[in-house]
């Protein structure tokens, strides 16, 4: 049987350890998506980026 709880715990530990890198990557990804969509969904993209950054 797969130990999902252990895997999620390890992912959480990695996210905490590399919080600044995850936040930076989320920001860059959000900017890229915003540009690709001609800034039509900026509000939603910004909210998604903030949510990612808040959870890491």
C-alpha atoms as a PDB file:
ATOM      1  CA  UNK A   1       0.000   0.000   0.000  1.00  0.00           C
ATOM      2  CA  UNK A   2       1.211   3.488  -0.840  1.00  0.00           C
ATOM      3  CA  UNK A   3       1.912   5.767   2.121  1.00  0.00           C
ATOM      4  CA  UNK A   4       0.213   8.961   0.942  1.00  0.00           C
ATOM      5  CA  UNK A   5       0.335  10.589   4.357  1.00  0.00           C
ATOM      6  CA  UNK A   6       4.097  10.190   4.470  1.00  0.00           C
ATOM      7  CA  UNK A   7       4.431  11.572   0.954  1.00  0.00           C
ATOM      8  CA  UNK A   8       2.281  14.593   1.778  1.00  0.00           C
ATOM      9  CA  UNK A   9       4.258  15.195   4.967  1.00  0.00           C
ATOM     10  CA  UNK A  10       7.496  15.181   2.974  1.00  0.00           C
ATOM     11  CA  UNK A  11       6.007  17.558   0.403  1.00  0.00           C
ATOM     12  CA  UNK A  12       4.936  19.894   3.194  1.00  0.00           C
ATOM     13  CA  UNK A  13       8.428  19.821   4.670  1.00  0.00           C
ATOM     14  CA  UNK A  14       9.956  20.606   1.277  1.00  0.00           C
ATOM     15  CA  UNK A  15       7.491  23.441   0.718  1.00  0.00           C
ATOM     16  CA  UNK A  16       8.420  25.001   4.049  1.00  0.00           C
ATOM     17  CA  UNK A  17      12.123  24.587   3.377  1.00  0.00           C
ATOM     18  CA  UNK A  18      11.929  26.193  -0.082  1.00  0.00           C
ATOM     19  CA  UNK A  19       9.166  28.742   0.525  1.00  0.00           C
ATOM     20  CA  UNK A  20      11.002  31.616  -1.145  1.00  0.00           C
ATOM     21  CA  UNK A  21      11.685  29.612  -4.304  1.00  0.00           C
ATOM     22  CA  UNK A  22       8.071  28.457  -4.568  1.00  0.00           C
ATOM     23  CA  UNK A  23       6.785  32.015  -4.068  1.00  0.00           C
ATOM     24  CA  UNK A  24       9.133  33.327  -6.754  1.00  0.00           C
ATOM     25  CA  UNK A  25       8.188  30.567  -9.202  1.00  0.00           C
ATOM     26  CA  UNK A  26       4.478  31.186  -8.611  1.00  0.00           C
ATOM     27  CA  UNK A  27       4.963  34.893  -9.318  1.00  0.00           C
ATOM     28  CA  UNK A  28       6.870  34.207 -12.538  1.00  0.00           C
ATOM     29  CA  UNK A  29       4.309  31.653 -13.678  1.00  0.00           C
ATOM     30  CA  UNK A  30       1.478  34.074 -12.927  1.00  0.00           C
ATOM     31  CA  UNK A  31       3.174  36.794 -14.966  1.00  0.00           C
ATOM     32  CA  UNK A  32       3.703  34.405 -17.873  1.00  0.00           C
ATOM     33  CA  UNK A  33       0.083  33.232 -17.876  1.00  0.00           C
ATOM     34  CA  UNK A  34      -1.137  36.807 -17.563  1.00  0.00           C
ATOM     35  CA  UNK A  35       0.897  37.822 -20.603  1.00  0.00           C
ATOM     36  CA  UNK A  36      -0.277  34.805 -22.623  1.00  0.00           C
ATOM     37  CA  UNK A  37      -3.919  35.661 -21.907  1.00  0.00           C
ATOM     38  CA  UNK A  38      -3.410  39.317 -22.885  1.00  0.00           C
ATOM     39  CA  UNK A  39      -4.134  40.380 -19.289  1.00  0.00           C
ATOM     40  CA  UNK A  40      -7.800  39.368 -19.604  1.00  0.00           C
ATOM     41  CA  UNK A  41      -7.759  37.433 -16.331  1.00  0.00           C
ATOM     42  CA  UNK A  42      -5.242  39.396 -14.267  1.00  0.00           C
ATOM     43  CA  UNK A  43      -7.457  39.556 -11.189  1.00  0.00           C
ATOM     44  CA  UNK A  44      -7.970  35.784 -11.101  1.00  0.00           C
ATOM     45  CA  UNK A  45      -4.325  35.005 -11.797  1.00  0.00           C
ATOM     46  CA  UNK A  46      -3.144  37.368  -9.065  1.00  0.00           C
ATOM     47  CA  UNK A  47      -5.566  35.767  -6.616  1.00  0.00           C
ATOM     48  CA  UNK A  48      -4.274  32.286  -7.498  1.00  0.00           C
ATOM     49  CA  UNK A  49      -0.658  33.406  -7.050  1.00  0.00           C
ATOM     50  CA  UNK A  50      -1.463  34.942  -3.650  1.00  0.00           C
ATOM     51  CA  UNK A  51      -3.207  31.735  -2.601  1.00  0.00           C
ATOM     52  CA  UNK A  52      -0.142  29.667  -3.514  1.00  0.00           C
ATOM     53  CA  UNK A  53       2.136  32.062  -1.677  1.00  0.00           C
ATOM     54  CA  UNK A  54      -0.090  32.057   1.404  1.00  0.00           C
ATOM     55  CA  UNK A  55      -0.104  28.260   1.578  1.00  0.00           C
ATOM     56  CA  UNK A  56       3.673  27.833   1.390  1.00  0.00           C
END
